[in-house]
Amino acid sequence: MSQLARESKVKVLLEKQKFNQKEISEMTDAQIEYYHWLYFEDSVYDYM
């Protein structure tokens, strides 16, 4: 993941207060992508 993409996803996680800065700094790119997807990406199942 690019640094810009990582920073934008980290910003969203911090704004929503799901994690604190220390927890996020210890996460891998894959973990950040997963939690961003888990909490903030729409799914087709959300609209059923």
PDB file of N, CA and C in Angstrom:
ATOM      1  N   MET A   1       0.867  -1.162   0.000  1.00  0.00           N
ATOM      2  CA  MET A   1       0.000   0.000   0.000  1.00  0.00           C
ATOM      3  C   MET A   1       0.914   1.225   0.000  1.00  0.00           C
ATOM      4  N   SER A   2       0.509   2.227  -0.719  1.00  0.00           N
ATOM      5  CA  SER A   2       1.308   3.447  -0.763  1.00  0.00           C
ATOM      6  C   SER A   2       1.200   4.190   0.572  1.00  0.00           C
ATOM      7  N   GLN A   3       2.169   5.033   0.818  1.00  0.00           N
ATOM      8  CA  GLN A   3       2.166   5.806   2.065  1.00  0.00           C
ATOM      9  C   GLN A   3       0.948   6.724   2.136  1.00  0.00           C
ATOM     10  N   LEU A   4       0.568   7.284   1.005  1.00  0.00           N
ATOM     11  CA  LEU A   4      -0.601   8.169   0.967  1.00  0.00           C
ATOM     12  C   LEU A   4      -1.885   7.416   1.308  1.00  0.00           C
ATOM     13  N   ALA A   5      -2.040   6.222   0.754  1.00  0.00           N
ATOM     14  CA  ALA A   5      -3.225   5.405   1.049  1.00  0.00           C
ATOM     15  C   ALA A   5      -3.252   5.005   2.522  1.00  0.00           C
ATOM     16  N   ARG A   6      -2.090   4.629   3.043  1.00  0.00           N
ATOM     17  CA  ARG A   6      -2.010   4.243   4.451  1.00  0.00           C
ATOM     18  C   ARG A   6      -2.395   5.422   5.347  1.00  0.00           C
ATOM     19  N   GLU A   7      -1.872   6.593   5.052  1.00  0.00           N
ATOM     20  CA  GLU A   7      -2.160   7.771   5.871  1.00  0.00           C
ATOM     21  C   GLU A   7      -3.645   8.127   5.850  1.00  0.00           C
ATOM     22  N   SER A   8      -4.279   7.998   4.690  1.00  0.00           N
ATOM     23  CA  SER A   8      -5.707   8.333   4.625  1.00  0.00           C
ATOM     24  C   SER A   8      -6.543   7.323   5.411  1.00  0.00           C
ATOM     25  N   LYS A   9      -6.186   6.054   5.351  1.00  0.00           N
ATOM     26  CA  LYS A   9      -6.930   5.040   6.110  1.00  0.00           C
ATOM     27  C   LYS A   9      -6.693   5.185   7.609  1.00  0.00           C
ATOM     28  N   VAL A  10      -5.452   5.507   7.985  1.00  0.00           N
ATOM     29  CA  VAL A  10      -5.140   5.733   9.397  1.00  0.00           C
ATOM     30  C   VAL A  10      -5.936   6.922   9.914  1.00  0.00           C
ATOM     31  N   LYS A  11      -6.026   7.976   9.123  1.00  0.00           N
ATOM     32  CA  LYS A  11      -6.769   9.170   9.514  1.00  0.00           C
ATOM     33  C   LYS A  11      -8.231   8.828   9.797  1.00  0.00           C
ATOM     34  N   VAL A  12      -8.835   8.027   8.935  1.00  0.00           N
ATOM     35  CA  VAL A  12     -10.243   7.650   9.129  1.00  0.00           C
ATOM     36  C   VAL A  12     -10.406   6.819  10.398  1.00  0.00           C
ATOM     37  N   LEU A  13      -9.509   5.872  10.632  1.00  0.00           N
ATOM     38  CA  LEU A  13      -9.602   5.054  11.845  1.00  0.00           C
ATOM     39  C   LEU A  13      -9.448   5.908  13.096  1.00  0.00           C
ATOM     40  N   LEU A  14      -8.550   6.880  13.056  1.00  0.00           N
ATOM     41  CA  LEU A  14      -8.370   7.762  14.212  1.00  0.00           C
ATOM     42  C   LEU A  14      -9.577   8.662  14.412  1.00  0.00           C
ATOM     43  N   GLU A  15     -10.141   9.195  13.334  1.00  0.00           N
ATOM     44  CA  GLU A  15     -11.308  10.069  13.442  1.00  0.00           C
ATOM     45  C   GLU A  15     -12.502   9.343  14.050  1.00  0.00           C
ATOM     46  N   LYS A  16     -12.673   8.104  13.699  1.00  0.00           N
ATOM     47  CA  LYS A  16     -13.806   7.328  14.216  1.00  0.00           C
ATOM     48  C   LYS A  16     -13.524   6.736  15.581  1.00  0.00           C
ATOM     49  N   GLN A  17     -12.324   6.975  16.099  1.00  0.00           N
ATOM     50  CA  GLN A  17     -11.908   6.530  17.430  1.00  0.00           C
ATOM     51  C   GLN A  17     -12.014   5.021  17.626  1.00  0.00           C
ATOM     52  N   LYS A  18     -11.694   4.287  16.556  1.00  0.00           N
ATOM     53  CA  LYS A  18     -11.689   2.830  16.681  1.00  0.00           C
ATOM     54  C   LYS A  18     -10.395   2.343  17.327  1.00  0.00           C
ATOM     55  N   PHE A  19      -9.311   3.056  17.076  1.00  0.00           N
ATOM     56  CA  PHE A  19      -8.002   2.693  17.609  1.00  0.00           C
ATOM     57  C   PHE A  19      -7.270   3.961  17.999  1.00  0.00           C
ATOM     58  N   ASN A  20      -6.274   3.823  18.885  1.00  0.00           N
ATOM     59  CA  ASN A  20      -5.456   4.984  19.189  1.00  0.00           C
ATOM     60  C   ASN A  20      -4.176   4.953  18.337  1.00  0.00           C
ATOM     61  N   GLN A  21      -3.418   6.025  18.387  1.00  0.00           N
ATOM     62  CA  GLN A  21      -2.235   6.174  17.530  1.00  0.00           C
ATOM     63  C   GLN A  21      -1.219   5.055  17.781  1.00  0.00           C
ATOM     64  N   LYS A  22      -1.037   4.655  19.038  1.00  0.00           N
ATOM     65  CA  LYS A  22      -0.057   3.615  19.367  1.00  0.00           C
ATOM     66  C   LYS A  22      -0.455   2.279  18.732  1.00  0.00           C
ATOM     67  N   GLU A  23      -1.730   1.924  18.838  1.00  0.00           N
ATOM     68  CA  GLU A  23      -2.195   0.666  18.252  1.00  0.00           C
ATOM     69  C   GLU A  23      -1.997   0.668  16.735  1.00  0.00           C
ATOM     70  N   ILE A  24      -2.334   1.770  16.101  1.00  0.00           N
ATOM     71  CA  ILE A  24      -2.218   1.852  14.651  1.00  0.00           C
ATOM     72  C   ILE A  24      -0.761   1.811  14.200  1.00  0.00           C
ATOM     73  N   SER A  25       0.114   2.443  14.959  1.00  0.00           N
ATOM     74  CA  SER A  25       1.525   2.465  14.566  1.00  0.00           C
ATOM     75  C   SER A  25       2.147   1.066  14.592  1.00  0.00           C
ATOM     76  N   GLU A  26       1.564   0.151  15.356  1.00  0.00           N
ATOM     77  CA  GLU A  26       2.077  -1.218  15.439  1.00  0.00           C
ATOM     78  C   GLU A  26       1.445  -2.152  14.406  1.00  0.00           C
ATOM     79  N   MET A  27       0.436  -1.658  13.661  1.00  0.00           N
ATOM     80  CA  MET A  27      -0.258  -2.495  12.680  1.00  0.00           C
ATOM     81  C   MET A  27       0.504  -2.565  11.363  1.00  0.00           C
ATOM     82  N   THR A  28       0.321  -3.683  10.684  1.00  0.00           N
ATOM     83  CA  THR A  28       0.859  -3.817   9.334  1.00  0.00           C
ATOM     84  C   THR A  28      -0.115  -3.174   8.351  1.00  0.00           C
ATOM     85  N   ASP A  29       0.328  -2.993   7.112  1.00  0.00           N
ATOM     86  CA  ASP A  29      -0.550  -2.453   6.080  1.00  0.00           C
ATOM     87  C   ASP A  29      -1.790  -3.315   5.908  1.00  0.00           C
ATOM     88  N   ALA A  30      -1.607  -4.627   5.950  1.00  0.00           N
ATOM     89  CA  ALA A  30      -2.728  -5.545   5.768  1.00  0.00           C
ATOM     90  C   ALA A  30      -3.759  -5.372   6.886  1.00  0.00           C
ATOM     91  N   GLN A  31      -3.306  -5.183   8.099  1.00  0.00           N
ATOM     92  CA  GLN A  31      -4.225  -4.990   9.219  1.00  0.00           C
ATOM     93  C   GLN A  31      -5.001  -3.681   9.072  1.00  0.00           C
ATOM     94  N   ILE A  32      -4.316  -2.622   8.668  1.00  0.00           N
ATOM     95  CA  ILE A  32      -4.988  -1.337   8.472  1.00  0.00           C
ATOM     96  C   ILE A  32      -6.036  -1.454   7.380  1.00  0.00           C
ATOM     97  N   GLU A  33      -5.703  -2.110   6.278  1.00  0.00           N
ATOM     98  CA  GLU A  33      -6.673  -2.308   5.200  1.00  0.00           C
ATOM     99  C   GLU A  33      -7.870  -3.107   5.680  1.00  0.00           C
ATOM    100  N   TYR A  34      -7.615  -4.157   6.468  1.00  0.00           N
ATOM    101  CA  TYR A  34      -8.694  -5.004   6.974  1.00  0.00           C
ATOM    102  C   TYR A  34      -9.653  -4.205   7.862  1.00  0.00           C
ATOM    103  N   TYR A  35      -9.114  -3.484   8.834  1.00  0.00           N
ATOM    104  CA  TYR A  35      -9.981  -2.737   9.748  1.00  0.00           C
ATOM    105  C   TYR A  35     -10.703  -1.610   9.031  1.00  0.00           C
ATOM    106  N   HIS A  36     -10.064  -0.979   8.065  1.00  0.00           N
ATOM    107  CA  HIS A  36     -10.731   0.063   7.290  1.00  0.00           C
ATOM    108  C   HIS A  36     -11.892  -0.559   6.521  1.00  0.00           C
ATOM    109  N   TRP A  37     -11.651  -1.702   5.906  1.00  0.00           N
ATOM    110  CA  TRP A  37     -12.715  -2.411   5.178  1.00  0.00           C
ATOM    111  C   TRP A  37     -13.824  -2.846   6.132  1.00  0.00           C
ATOM    112  N   LEU A  38     -13.427  -3.390   7.276  1.00  0.00           N
ATOM    113  CA  LEU A  38     -14.395  -3.915   8.231  1.00  0.00           C
ATOM    114  C   LEU A  38     -15.353  -2.833   8.728  1.00  0.00           C
ATOM    115  N   TYR A  39     -14.834  -1.666   9.030  1.00  0.00           N
ATOM    116  CA  TYR A  39     -15.656  -0.626   9.626  1.00  0.00           C
ATOM    117  C   TYR A  39     -16.262   0.360   8.638  1.00  0.00           C
ATOM    118  N   PHE A  40     -15.631   0.537   7.454  1.00  0.00           N
ATOM    119  CA  PHE A  40     -16.025   1.681   6.643  1.00  0.00           C
ATOM    120  C   PHE A  40     -16.376   1.387   5.202  1.00  0.00           C
ATOM    121  N   GLU A  41     -16.122   0.225   4.692  1.00  0.00           N
ATOM    122  CA  GLU A  41     -16.455  -0.068   3.300  1.00  0.00           C
ATOM    123  C   GLU A  41     -17.876  -0.607   3.221  1.00  0.00           C
ATOM    124  N   ASP A  42     -18.649  -0.111   2.287  1.00  0.00           N
ATOM    125  CA  ASP A  42     -19.990  -0.618   2.063  1.00  0.00           C
ATOM    126  C   ASP A  42     -19.942  -1.977   1.395  1.00  0.00           C
ATOM    127  N   SER A  43     -20.854  -2.802   1.749  1.00  0.00           N
ATOM    128  CA  SER A  43     -20.991  -4.120   1.163  1.00  0.00           C
ATOM    129  C   SER A  43     -22.347  -4.194   0.464  1.00  0.00           C
ATOM    130  N   VAL A  44     -22.442  -5.025  -0.554  1.00  0.00           N
ATOM    131  CA  VAL A  44     -23.736  -5.198  -1.222  1.00  0.00           C
ATOM    132  C   VAL A  44     -24.761  -5.752  -0.238  1.00  0.00           C
ATOM    133  N   TYR A  45     -24.299  -6.483   0.773  1.00  0.00           N
ATOM    134  CA  TYR A  45     -25.204  -7.047   1.771  1.00  0.00           C
ATOM    135  C   TYR A  45     -25.776  -5.988   2.711  1.00  0.00           C
ATOM    136  N   ASP A  46     -25.126  -4.818   2.804  1.00  0.00           N
ATOM    137  CA  ASP A  46     -25.645  -3.737   3.624  1.00  0.00           C
ATOM    138  C   ASP A  46     -26.955  -3.192   3.058  1.00  0.00           C
ATOM    139  N   TYR A  47     -27.177  -3.387   1.777  1.00  0.00           N
ATOM    140  CA  TYR A  47     -28.347  -2.813   1.114  1.00  0.00           C
ATOM    141  C   TYR A  47     -29.445  -3.820   0.849  1.00  0.00           C
ATOM    142  N   MET A  48     -29.316  -5.011   1.377  1.00  0.00           N
ATOM    143  CA  MET A  48     -30.330  -6.037   1.156  1.00  0.00           C
ATOM    144  C   MET A  48     -31.332  -6.057   2.297  1.00  0.00           C
TER     145      MET A  48
END
